[in-house]
Amino acid sequence: MIVRLWSARAGEVQSRAYVEHFQRSVLSKLRGAEGYVGSTVLTRSHDRQTEILVATVWESLEAIQQFAGQDLERAVVDDEAAALLADYDGRVRHFETAATDIFRREIWDN
């Protein structure tokens, strides 16, 4: 499996709006992509801003290419998301999964 990492920065209110946007709009697109396994959005407050780290998990680089296009490292950020962010990475990073542990779902579901 391949983990695709992307990060952005936003104000506190805008970061919450981005997470809502992710849950409302981005997840449906991801779930429709062949080879998509799952995702996690992480946030942390730092220097009066919130850093957002999005990790998506894919079965293969080929699956990512179907989602992102020929340039695998190009970030896919729609206009609504971009409007919420102070800045964001235009490039992503990919990592092969070397080891993993799956958490019990009931702990994380709110």
Protein backbone atom coordinates (compact mmCIF):
# COMPACT_ATOMS: atom_id res chain seq x y z
CA MET A 1 0.00 0.00 0.00
CA ILE A 2 1.03 3.57 -0.64
CA VAL A 3 0.41 6.50 1.73
CA ARG A 4 0.01 9.90 0.06
CA LEU A 5 0.81 12.83 2.38
CA TRP A 6 -0.23 16.45 1.84
CA SER A 7 -0.20 19.40 4.22
CA ALA A 8 -1.73 22.85 4.50
CA ARG A 9 -2.07 25.69 6.96
CA ALA A 10 -5.15 27.67 7.95
CA GLY A 11 -6.58 29.76 10.75
CA GLU A 12 -8.43 27.90 13.50
CA VAL A 13 -11.92 28.57 12.14
CA GLN A 14 -10.90 27.87 8.56
CA SER A 15 -9.18 24.62 9.54
CA ARG A 16 -12.41 23.35 11.09
CA ALA A 17 -14.23 24.40 7.90
CA TYR A 18 -11.65 22.50 5.85
CA VAL A 19 -12.20 19.32 7.88
CA GLU A 20 -15.96 19.68 7.33
CA HIS A 21 -15.33 20.20 3.61
CA PHE A 22 -13.13 17.09 3.56
CA GLN A 23 -15.86 15.01 5.20
CA ARG A 24 -18.65 16.46 3.07
CA SER A 25 -17.02 16.67 -0.38
CA VAL A 26 -13.58 15.11 -0.61
CA LEU A 27 -14.42 11.74 0.96
CA SER A 28 -17.13 11.00 -1.59
CA LYS A 29 -14.65 11.61 -4.43
CA LEU A 30 -12.00 9.49 -2.77
CA ARG A 31 -14.40 6.66 -2.03
CA GLY A 32 -15.35 6.61 -5.71
CA ALA A 33 -11.73 6.18 -6.80
CA GLU A 34 -10.61 2.67 -7.61
CA GLY A 35 -7.78 1.57 -5.33
CA TYR A 36 -8.58 4.04 -2.53
CA VAL A 37 -8.22 2.34 0.88
CA GLY A 38 -8.81 5.06 3.46
CA SER A 39 -7.70 8.41 4.84
CA THR A 40 -6.89 10.35 7.97
CA VAL A 41 -6.88 14.11 8.54
CA LEU A 42 -4.59 15.30 11.33
CA THR A 43 -4.45 18.82 12.78
CA ARG A 44 -2.22 20.66 15.23
CA SER A 45 -2.17 24.24 16.44
CA HIS A 46 1.13 25.97 15.86
CA ASP A 47 2.06 29.67 15.79
CA ARG A 48 -1.55 30.98 15.66
CA GLN A 49 -2.34 28.69 12.77
CA THR A 50 -3.49 25.13 12.39
CA GLU A 51 -1.39 22.72 10.39
CA ILE A 52 -3.44 20.14 8.50
CA LEU A 53 -1.91 16.85 7.39
CA VAL A 54 -3.93 14.60 5.11
CA ALA A 55 -2.85 10.99 4.66
CA THR A 56 -4.64 8.92 2.06
CA VAL A 57 -3.92 5.24 1.59
CA TRP A 58 -3.97 3.60 -1.83
CA GLU A 59 -3.48 0.08 -3.15
CA SER A 60 -0.86 1.19 -5.69
CA LEU A 61 0.80 4.06 -7.52
CA GLU A 62 -1.36 3.16 -10.51
CA ALA A 63 -4.48 3.83 -8.43
CA ILE A 64 -3.06 7.21 -7.39
CA GLN A 65 -2.34 8.01 -11.02
CA GLN A 66 -5.97 7.36 -11.93
CA PHE A 67 -6.98 9.81 -9.20
CA ALA A 68 -4.30 12.49 -9.57
CA GLY A 69 -3.26 12.19 -13.21
CA GLN A 70 0.12 11.65 -14.83
CA ASP A 71 1.97 13.88 -12.36
CA LEU A 72 1.65 11.70 -9.26
CA GLU A 73 3.09 14.32 -6.93
CA ARG A 74 0.69 17.10 -7.95
CA ALA A 75 -1.66 17.97 -5.10
CA VAL A 76 -5.35 17.69 -5.92
CA VAL A 77 -6.99 20.68 -4.21
CA ASP A 78 -10.37 21.95 -5.33
CA ASP A 79 -11.26 25.67 -5.34
CA GLU A 80 -13.51 25.42 -2.27
CA ALA A 81 -10.70 23.89 -0.21
CA ALA A 82 -8.09 26.34 -1.51
CA ALA A 83 -10.30 29.26 -0.43
CA LEU A 84 -10.24 28.00 3.17
CA LEU A 85 -6.47 27.61 3.41
CA ALA A 86 -3.81 30.23 4.17
CA ASP A 87 -1.38 28.15 2.13
CA TYR A 88 -0.89 24.56 1.10
CA ASP A 89 1.64 22.29 -0.49
CA GLY A 90 1.37 22.06 -4.26
CA ARG A 91 3.22 18.75 -4.16
CA VAL A 92 2.57 15.59 -2.16
CA ARG A 93 4.85 12.84 -0.89
CA HIS A 94 4.32 9.10 -1.29
CA PHE A 95 5.53 6.42 1.09
CA GLU A 96 5.33 2.65 0.79
CA THR A 97 3.76 1.07 3.84
CA ALA A 98 6.48 -0.88 5.64
CA ALA A 99 4.42 -1.79 8.73
CA THR A 100 1.01 -0.85 10.05
CA ASP A 101 -1.37 -1.47 12.92
CA ILE A 102 -5.11 -0.92 12.52
CA PHE A 103 -6.85 0.73 15.47
CA ARG A 104 -10.20 -0.44 16.75
CA ARG A 105 -12.74 1.64 14.87
CA GLU A 106 -15.06 2.26 17.83
CA ILE A 107 -12.30 4.23 19.57
CA TRP A 108 -12.02 6.73 16.72
CA ASP A 109 -15.66 7.12 15.61
CA ASN A 110 -17.40 10.10 17.21
